[in-house]
PDB file of all heavy atoms in Angstrom:
ATOM      1  N   LYS A   1       7.621  15.395  -6.519  1.00  0.00           N
ATOM      2  CA  LYS A   1       6.306  14.925  -6.485  1.00  0.00           C
ATOM      3  C   LYS A   1       6.126  13.284  -6.514  1.00  0.00           C
ATOM      4  O   LYS A   1       5.079  12.792  -6.282  1.00  0.00           O
ATOM      5  CB  LYS A   1       5.601  15.347  -7.774  1.00  0.00           C
ATOM      6  CG  LYS A   1       5.362  16.869  -7.737  1.00  0.00           C
ATOM      7  CD  LYS A   1       4.382  17.224  -9.038  1.00  0.00           C
ATOM      8  CE  LYS A   1       4.041  18.745  -8.918  1.00  0.00           C
ATOM      9  NZ  LYS A   1       3.160  19.143  -9.960  1.00  0.00           N
ATOM     10  N   GLY A   2       7.169  12.612  -6.906  1.00  0.00           N
ATOM     11  CA  GLY A   2       7.079  11.142  -7.016  1.00  0.00           C
ATOM     12  C   GLY A   2       6.977  10.495  -5.692  1.00  0.00           C
ATOM     13  O   GLY A   2       6.942  11.042  -4.552  1.00  0.00           O
ATOM     14  N   GLY A   3       6.978   9.074  -5.674  1.00  0.00           N
ATOM     15  CA  GLY A   3       6.977   8.308  -4.498  1.00  0.00           C
ATOM     16  C   GLY A   3       6.525   6.888  -4.827  1.00  0.00           C
ATOM     17  O   GLY A   3       6.807   6.302  -5.853  1.00  0.00           O
ATOM     18  N   VAL A   4       5.707   6.300  -3.895  1.00  0.00           N
ATOM     19  CA  VAL A   4       5.228   4.888  -4.204  1.00  0.00           C
ATOM     20  C   VAL A   4       3.775   4.858  -4.258  1.00  0.00           C
ATOM     21  O   VAL A   4       2.979   5.602  -3.569  1.00  0.00           O
ATOM     22  CB  VAL A   4       5.717   4.040  -2.854  1.00  0.00           C
ATOM     23  CG1 VAL A   4       7.233   3.982  -2.738  1.00  0.00           C
ATOM     24  CG2 VAL A   4       5.098   4.555  -1.600  1.00  0.00           C
ATOM     25  N   THR A   5       3.240   3.873  -5.059  1.00  0.00           N
ATOM     26  CA  THR A   5       1.878   3.633  -5.173  1.00  0.00           C
ATOM     27  C   THR A   5       1.629   2.220  -5.073  1.00  0.00           C
ATOM     28  O   THR A   5       2.419   1.372  -5.481  1.00  0.00           O
ATOM     29  CB  THR A   5       1.460   4.063  -6.623  1.00  0.00           C
ATOM     30  OG1 THR A   5       1.559   5.578  -6.833  1.00  0.00           O
ATOM     31  CG2 THR A   5      -0.085   3.704  -6.966  1.00  0.00           C
ATOM     32  N   VAL A   6       0.574   1.795  -4.410  1.00  0.00           N
ATOM     33  CA  VAL A   6       0.035   0.381  -4.360  1.00  0.00           C
ATOM     34  C   VAL A   6      -1.197   0.324  -5.152  1.00  0.00           C
ATOM     35  O   VAL A   6      -2.151   1.057  -5.040  1.00  0.00           O
ATOM     36  CB  VAL A   6      -0.087  -0.103  -3.007  1.00  0.00           C
ATOM     37  CG1 VAL A   6       1.245  -0.246  -2.264  1.00  0.00           C
ATOM     38  CG2 VAL A   6      -0.981   0.737  -2.072  1.00  0.00           C
ATOM     39  N   SER A   7      -1.226  -0.726  -6.087  1.00  0.00           N
ATOM     40  CA  SER A   7      -2.300  -0.825  -6.891  1.00  0.00           C
ATOM     41  C   SER A   7      -2.679  -2.348  -6.926  1.00  0.00           C
ATOM     42  O   SER A   7      -2.374  -3.014  -5.870  1.00  0.00           O
ATOM     43  CB  SER A   7      -1.947  -0.403  -8.428  1.00  0.00           C
ATOM     44  OG  SER A   7      -3.062  -0.464  -9.236  1.00  0.00           O
ATOM     45  N   GLY A   8      -3.297  -2.912  -7.908  1.00  0.00           N
ATOM     46  CA  GLY A   8      -3.686  -4.285  -7.863  1.00  0.00           C
ATOM     47  C   GLY A   8      -4.024  -4.850  -9.150  1.00  0.00           C
ATOM     48  O   GLY A   8      -3.573  -4.423 -10.217  1.00  0.00           O
ATOM     49  N   GLY A   9      -4.852  -5.968  -9.049  1.00  0.00           N
ATOM     50  CA  GLY A   9      -5.541  -6.480  -7.861  1.00  0.00           C
ATOM     51  C   GLY A   9      -6.265  -5.268  -7.074  1.00  0.00           C
ATOM     52  O   GLY A   9      -6.429  -4.246  -7.513  1.00  0.00           O
ATOM     53  N   GLU A  10      -6.568  -5.722  -5.897  1.00  0.00           N
ATOM     54  CA  GLU A  10      -7.252  -4.811  -4.900  1.00  0.00           C
ATOM     55  C   GLU A  10      -6.366  -4.789  -3.657  1.00  0.00           C
ATOM     56  O   GLU A  10      -6.504  -5.678  -2.796  1.00  0.00           O
ATOM     57  CB  GLU A  10      -8.763  -5.208  -4.566  1.00  0.00           C
ATOM     58  CG  GLU A  10      -9.358  -4.284  -3.530  1.00  0.00           C
ATOM     59  CD  GLU A  10      -9.062  -2.755  -3.669  1.00  0.00           C
ATOM     60  OE1 GLU A  10      -9.482  -2.279  -4.722  1.00  0.00           O
ATOM     61  OE2 GLU A  10      -8.425  -2.187  -2.838  1.00  0.00           O
ATOM     62  N   PRO A  11      -5.624  -3.610  -3.484  1.00  0.00           N
ATOM     63  CA  PRO A  11      -4.691  -3.698  -2.301  1.00  0.00           C
ATOM     64  C   PRO A  11      -5.276  -3.713  -0.904  1.00  0.00           C
ATOM     65  O   PRO A  11      -4.639  -4.055  -0.020  1.00  0.00           O
ATOM     66  CB  PRO A  11      -3.841  -2.401  -2.564  1.00  0.00           C
ATOM     67  CG  PRO A  11      -4.596  -1.501  -3.541  1.00  0.00           C
ATOM     68  CD  PRO A  11      -5.393  -2.476  -4.388  1.00  0.00           C
ATOM     69  N   LEU A  12      -6.512  -3.134  -0.835  1.00  0.00           N
ATOM     70  CA  LEU A  12      -7.101  -3.138   0.481  1.00  0.00           C
ATOM     71  C   LEU A  12      -7.415  -4.452   1.013  1.00  0.00           C
ATOM     72  O   LEU A  12      -7.854  -4.507   2.140  1.00  0.00           O
ATOM     73  CB  LEU A  12      -8.520  -2.326   0.357  1.00  0.00           C
ATOM     74  CG  LEU A  12      -8.332  -0.724   0.352  1.00  0.00           C
ATOM     75  CD1 LEU A  12      -9.704  -0.022   0.170  1.00  0.00           C
ATOM     76  CD2 LEU A  12      -7.520  -0.175   1.511  1.00  0.00           C
ATOM     77  N   LEU A  13      -7.438  -5.492   0.256  1.00  0.00           N
ATOM     78  CA  LEU A  13      -7.566  -6.873   0.730  1.00  0.00           C
ATOM     79  C   LEU A  13      -6.289  -7.205   1.566  1.00  0.00           C
ATOM     80  O   LEU A  13      -6.369  -8.191   2.323  1.00  0.00           O
ATOM     81  CB  LEU A  13      -7.777  -7.949  -0.386  1.00  0.00           C
ATOM     82  CG  LEU A  13      -9.097  -7.702  -1.334  1.00  0.00           C
ATOM     83  CD1 LEU A  13      -8.963  -8.703  -2.433  1.00  0.00           C
ATOM     84  CD2 LEU A  13     -10.206  -7.955  -0.377  1.00  0.00           C
ATOM     85  N   GLN A  14      -5.241  -6.442   1.512  1.00  0.00           N
ATOM     86  CA  GLN A  14      -4.047  -6.717   2.296  1.00  0.00           C
ATOM     87  C   GLN A  14      -3.842  -5.452   3.115  1.00  0.00           C
ATOM     88  O   GLN A  14      -2.638  -4.903   3.204  1.00  0.00           O
ATOM     89  CB  GLN A  14      -2.892  -6.978   1.417  1.00  0.00           C
ATOM     90  CG  GLN A  14      -3.085  -8.293   0.445  1.00  0.00           C
ATOM     91  CD  GLN A  14      -1.839  -8.741  -0.230  1.00  0.00           C
ATOM     92  OE1 GLN A  14      -0.835  -9.032   0.455  1.00  0.00           O
ATOM     93  NE2 GLN A  14      -1.940  -8.784  -1.533  1.00  0.00           N
ATOM     94  N   ILE A  15      -4.820  -4.994   3.824  1.00  0.00           N
ATOM     95  CA  ILE A  15      -4.714  -3.701   4.577  1.00  0.00           C
ATOM     96  C   ILE A  15      -3.682  -3.681   5.636  1.00  0.00           C
ATOM     97  O   ILE A  15      -2.989  -2.665   5.822  1.00  0.00           O
ATOM     98  CB  ILE A  15      -6.070  -3.298   5.095  1.00  0.00           C
ATOM     99  CG1 ILE A  15      -6.106  -1.753   5.502  1.00  0.00           C
ATOM    100  CG2 ILE A  15      -6.549  -4.092   6.088  1.00  0.00           C
ATOM    101  CD1 ILE A  15      -7.503  -1.190   5.704  1.00  0.00           C
ATOM    102  N   ASP A  16      -3.433  -4.727   6.295  1.00  0.00           N
ATOM    103  CA  ASP A  16      -2.415  -4.733   7.427  1.00  0.00           C
ATOM    104  C   ASP A  16      -1.023  -4.500   6.805  1.00  0.00           C
ATOM    105  O   ASP A  16      -0.176  -3.864   7.314  1.00  0.00           O
ATOM    106  CB  ASP A  16      -2.483  -6.072   8.243  1.00  0.00           C
ATOM    107  CG  ASP A  16      -3.716  -6.184   8.968  1.00  0.00           C
ATOM    108  OD1 ASP A  16      -4.367  -5.069   9.363  1.00  0.00           O
ATOM    109  OD2 ASP A  16      -4.100  -7.269   9.393  1.00  0.00           O
ATOM    110  N   PHE A  17      -0.871  -5.092   5.594  1.00  0.00           N
ATOM    111  CA  PHE A  17       0.469  -4.922   4.958  1.00  0.00           C
ATOM    112  C   PHE A  17       0.607  -3.445   4.494  1.00  0.00           C
ATOM    113  O   PHE A  17       1.691  -2.930   4.586  1.00  0.00           O
ATOM    114  CB  PHE A  17       0.550  -5.898   3.740  1.00  0.00           C
ATOM    115  CG  PHE A  17       1.842  -5.785   2.995  1.00  0.00           C
ATOM    116  CD1 PHE A  17       3.054  -6.241   3.411  1.00  0.00           C
ATOM    117  CD2 PHE A  17       1.830  -4.892   1.785  1.00  0.00           C
ATOM    118  CE1 PHE A  17       4.148  -6.113   2.619  1.00  0.00           C
ATOM    119  CE2 PHE A  17       2.913  -4.787   1.096  1.00  0.00           C
ATOM    120  CZ  PHE A  17       4.220  -5.397   1.473  1.00  0.00           C
ATOM    121  N   LEU A  18      -0.505  -2.934   3.868  1.00  0.00           N
ATOM    122  CA  LEU A  18      -0.381  -1.637   3.516  1.00  0.00           C
ATOM    123  C   LEU A  18      -0.129  -0.543   4.607  1.00  0.00           C
ATOM    124  O   LEU A  18       0.678   0.412   4.374  1.00  0.00           O
ATOM    125  CB  LEU A  18      -1.717  -1.099   2.813  1.00  0.00           C
ATOM    126  CG  LEU A  18      -2.263  -1.836   1.688  1.00  0.00           C
ATOM    127  CD1 LEU A  18      -3.439  -1.141   1.034  1.00  0.00           C
ATOM    128  CD2 LEU A  18      -1.143  -2.115   0.559  1.00  0.00           C
ATOM    129  N   ILE A  19      -0.671  -0.790   5.764  1.00  0.00           N
ATOM    130  CA  ILE A  19      -0.466   0.128   6.856  1.00  0.00           C
ATOM    131  C   ILE A  19       1.099   0.053   7.188  1.00  0.00           C
ATOM    132  O   ILE A  19       1.722   1.129   7.390  1.00  0.00           O
ATOM    133  CB  ILE A  19      -1.188  -0.341   8.094  1.00  0.00           C
ATOM    134  CG1 ILE A  19      -2.681  -0.049   7.868  1.00  0.00           C
ATOM    135  CG2 ILE A  19      -0.784   0.386   9.438  1.00  0.00           C
ATOM    136  CD1 ILE A  19      -3.660  -0.576   8.966  1.00  0.00           C
ATOM    137  N   GLU A  20       1.599  -1.173   7.262  1.00  0.00           N
ATOM    138  CA  GLU A  20       3.146  -1.266   7.659  1.00  0.00           C
ATOM    139  C   GLU A  20       4.007  -0.586   6.531  1.00  0.00           C
ATOM    140  O   GLU A  20       4.848   0.104   6.837  1.00  0.00           O
ATOM    141  CB  GLU A  20       3.455  -2.799   7.728  1.00  0.00           C
ATOM    142  CG  GLU A  20       3.031  -3.385   8.952  1.00  0.00           C
ATOM    143  CD  GLU A  20       3.647  -4.742   9.213  1.00  0.00           C
ATOM    144  OE1 GLU A  20       4.758  -5.024   8.712  1.00  0.00           O
ATOM    145  OE2 GLU A  20       3.037  -5.463   9.882  1.00  0.00           O
ATOM    146  N   TYR A  21       3.560  -0.787   5.276  1.00  0.00           N
ATOM    147  CA  TYR A  21       4.456  -0.327   4.213  1.00  0.00           C
ATOM    148  C   TYR A  21       4.297   1.293   4.117  1.00  0.00           C
ATOM    149  O   TYR A  21       5.320   1.964   3.917  1.00  0.00           O
ATOM    150  CB  TYR A  21       3.884  -0.922   2.796  1.00  0.00           C
ATOM    151  CG  TYR A  21       4.549  -0.443   1.661  1.00  0.00           C
ATOM    152  CD1 TYR A  21       5.893  -0.649   1.444  1.00  0.00           C
ATOM    153  CD2 TYR A  21       3.788  -0.031   0.468  1.00  0.00           C
ATOM    154  CE1 TYR A  21       6.537  -0.317   0.266  1.00  0.00           C
ATOM    155  CE2 TYR A  21       4.363   0.398  -0.635  1.00  0.00           C
ATOM    156  CZ  TYR A  21       5.750   0.226  -0.835  1.00  0.00           C
ATOM    157  OH  TYR A  21       6.347   0.566  -1.969  1.00  0.00           O
ATOM    158  N   PHE A  22       3.037   1.793   4.252  1.00  0.00           N
ATOM    159  CA  PHE A  22       2.965   3.212   4.136  1.00  0.00           C
ATOM    160  C   PHE A  22       3.649   3.917   5.352  1.00  0.00           C
ATOM    161  O   PHE A  22       4.141   4.991   5.284  1.00  0.00           O
ATOM    162  CB  PHE A  22       1.510   3.647   3.950  1.00  0.00           C
ATOM    163  CG  PHE A  22       1.000   3.629   2.594  1.00  0.00           C
ATOM    164  CD1 PHE A  22       1.769   3.056   1.565  1.00  0.00           C
ATOM    165  CD2 PHE A  22      -0.319   4.044   2.189  1.00  0.00           C
ATOM    166  CE1 PHE A  22       1.324   3.031   0.177  1.00  0.00           C
ATOM    167  CE2 PHE A  22      -0.743   4.050   0.831  1.00  0.00           C
ATOM    168  CZ  PHE A  22       0.101   3.554  -0.164  1.00  0.00           C
ATOM    169  N   LYS A  23       3.416   3.254   6.562  1.00  0.00           N
ATOM    170  CA  LYS A  23       4.014   3.842   7.851  1.00  0.00           C
ATOM    171  C   LYS A  23       5.519   3.961   7.592  1.00  0.00           C
ATOM    172  O   LYS A  23       6.137   5.014   7.851  1.00  0.00           O
ATOM    173  CB  LYS A  23       3.724   2.960   8.995  1.00  0.00           C
ATOM    174  CG  LYS A  23       4.310   3.544  10.215  1.00  0.00           C
ATOM    175  CD  LYS A  23       3.803   2.635  11.439  1.00  0.00           C
ATOM    176  CE  LYS A  23       4.271   3.265  12.724  1.00  0.00           C
ATOM    177  NZ  LYS A  23       3.943   2.515  13.992  1.00  0.00           N
ATOM    178  N   LEU A  24       6.153   2.935   7.151  1.00  0.00           N
ATOM    179  CA  LEU A  24       7.608   2.954   6.852  1.00  0.00           C
ATOM    180  C   LEU A  24       7.968   4.009   5.797  1.00  0.00           C
ATOM    181  O   LEU A  24       8.890   4.681   5.880  1.00  0.00           O
ATOM    182  CB  LEU A  24       8.087   1.569   6.316  1.00  0.00           C
ATOM    183  CG  LEU A  24       8.109   0.404   7.372  1.00  0.00           C
ATOM    184  CD1 LEU A  24       8.449  -0.907   6.831  1.00  0.00           C
ATOM    185  CD2 LEU A  24       9.199   0.757   8.418  1.00  0.00           C
TER     186      LEU A  24
END
């Protein structure tokens, strides 16, 4: 069930980075 979580701050302010991170 585990994995990675992005939190903040507000992570959507860095949406391009999130896309790359989650895609990988």
